[in-house]
Amino acid sequence: MFVKNREKPFLAIVPGIQRKTLAVGDHTLMTEFILEAGAELPAHKHPHEQIGFLVSGCLILTIGGESCEMRPGDSWAVPGDVEHSAKVIERAEAIEVFHPVRQDYL
């Protein structure tokens, strides 16, 4: 399967944060996020495991009550059903993979 990224639209999820679903497999889904400086992703959880990679910018991620500043090249893993949130310090781009496929992202 091939996905031409420029053909897919971004969708706003909260003010200052947009997502675009990229490739979708039988068991995983990949998403691109654009996060504007000052935006916040509220604390939430879901049954999906997610792993991410910061392409650019700076975020403070909180996963299961532990916070860490993330810079380009850093990555993370969030187990299913663990609360997590993000505060955007500098405009950022991140790529995340979810397992199983998030039906709400299709």
Protein backbone atom coordinates (compact mmCIF):
# COMPACT_ATOMS: atom_id res chain seq x y z
CA MET A 1 0.00 0.00 0.00
CA PHE A 2 1.23 3.49 -0.86
CA VAL A 3 -0.04 6.76 0.58
CA LYS A 4 0.60 10.11 -1.10
CA ASN A 5 0.77 12.40 1.94
CA ARG A 6 0.05 15.66 0.12
CA GLU A 7 -3.32 14.32 -1.06
CA LYS A 8 -4.71 13.87 2.46
CA PRO A 9 -6.17 16.75 4.52
CA PHE A 10 -5.29 17.75 8.09
CA LEU A 11 -8.14 17.75 10.62
CA ALA A 12 -8.24 19.99 13.70
CA ILE A 13 -8.57 17.99 16.93
CA VAL A 14 -8.20 20.82 19.48
CA PRO A 15 -7.17 24.46 18.96
CA GLY A 16 -3.62 24.55 17.59
CA ILE A 17 -3.34 20.79 16.97
CA GLN A 18 -4.10 19.04 13.68
CA ARG A 19 -3.74 15.44 12.61
CA LYS A 20 -3.60 13.58 9.33
CA THR A 21 -4.01 9.82 9.07
CA LEU A 22 -1.31 8.34 6.86
CA ALA A 23 -0.86 4.63 6.18
CA VAL A 24 -3.31 2.14 7.68
CA GLY A 25 -2.49 -1.55 7.98
CA ASP A 26 -4.39 -4.51 9.33
CA HIS A 27 -3.15 -3.88 12.88
CA THR A 28 -1.55 -0.40 12.97
CA LEU A 29 -2.28 3.16 11.90
CA MET A 30 0.23 6.00 11.35
CA THR A 31 -0.66 9.65 11.93
CA GLU A 32 1.11 12.97 11.38
CA PHE A 33 0.48 15.76 13.90
CA ILE A 34 1.16 19.49 13.51
CA LEU A 35 1.18 21.27 16.85
CA GLU A 36 1.34 25.07 17.19
CA ALA A 37 3.35 26.77 19.96
CA GLY A 38 1.24 27.26 23.06
CA ALA A 39 -1.28 24.55 22.18
CA GLU A 40 -2.17 21.91 24.74
CA LEU A 41 -3.47 18.40 24.25
CA PRO A 42 -5.60 17.72 27.34
CA ALA A 43 -5.00 14.65 29.46
CA HIS A 44 -6.75 11.64 27.96
CA LYS A 45 -6.42 7.90 27.51
CA HIS A 46 -7.57 5.26 25.07
CA PRO A 47 -7.13 1.49 24.70
CA HIS A 48 -4.62 1.89 21.85
CA GLU A 49 -0.88 1.58 22.38
CA GLN A 50 0.89 4.49 20.68
CA ILE A 51 4.51 5.22 19.84
CA GLY A 52 5.75 8.54 18.53
CA PHE A 53 8.71 10.37 17.02
CA LEU A 54 9.29 14.13 17.15
CA VAL A 55 10.33 15.41 13.72
CA SER A 56 10.64 19.09 14.70
CA GLY A 57 9.88 21.52 17.50
CA CYS A 58 9.63 21.01 21.24
CA LEU A 59 6.95 19.40 23.43
CA ILE A 60 6.54 18.57 27.06
CA LEU A 61 4.86 15.18 27.17
CA THR A 62 3.30 13.77 30.29
CA ILE A 63 2.73 10.01 30.30
CA GLY A 64 1.33 8.29 33.37
CA GLY A 65 2.15 11.31 35.54
CA GLU A 66 5.79 11.63 34.38
CA SER A 67 6.77 14.65 32.25
CA CYS A 68 9.67 14.97 29.81
CA GLU A 69 10.79 17.66 27.34
CA MET A 70 10.99 16.17 23.86
CA ARG A 71 13.23 17.53 21.07
CA PRO A 72 13.66 16.49 17.41
CA GLY A 73 14.78 12.87 17.19
CA ASP A 74 13.22 11.90 20.54
CA SER A 75 10.56 9.20 20.71
CA TRP A 76 8.05 7.82 23.20
CA ALA A 77 5.70 4.95 23.92
CA VAL A 78 2.31 5.19 25.61
CA PRO A 79 0.75 1.91 26.76
CA GLY A 80 -2.98 1.47 26.21
CA ASP A 81 -5.24 2.99 28.89
CA VAL A 82 -2.48 5.22 30.32
CA GLU A 83 -3.33 8.90 30.71
CA HIS A 84 -1.14 11.28 28.68
CA SER A 85 -1.06 14.92 27.59
CA ALA A 86 1.17 17.39 25.75
CA LYS A 87 2.14 21.05 25.99
CA VAL A 88 3.67 22.55 22.85
CA ILE A 89 6.70 24.76 23.52
CA GLU A 90 7.76 25.34 19.89
CA ARG A 91 5.75 24.59 16.73
CA ALA A 92 6.19 20.86 16.22
CA GLU A 93 5.61 17.96 13.86
CA ALA A 94 5.25 14.44 15.22
CA ILE A 95 4.58 11.03 13.70
CA GLU A 96 2.69 8.47 15.79
CA VAL A 97 1.68 4.86 15.27
CA PHE A 98 -1.33 3.32 17.01
CA HIS A 99 -2.13 -0.35 17.67
CA PRO A 100 -4.76 -1.55 17.11
CA VAL A 101 -6.10 0.68 14.34
CA ARG A 102 -8.02 3.68 15.71
CA GLN A 103 -11.37 3.52 13.98
CA ASP A 104 -12.02 7.16 14.93
CA TYR A 105 -8.96 8.19 12.86
CA LEU A 106 -10.14 6.53 9.63
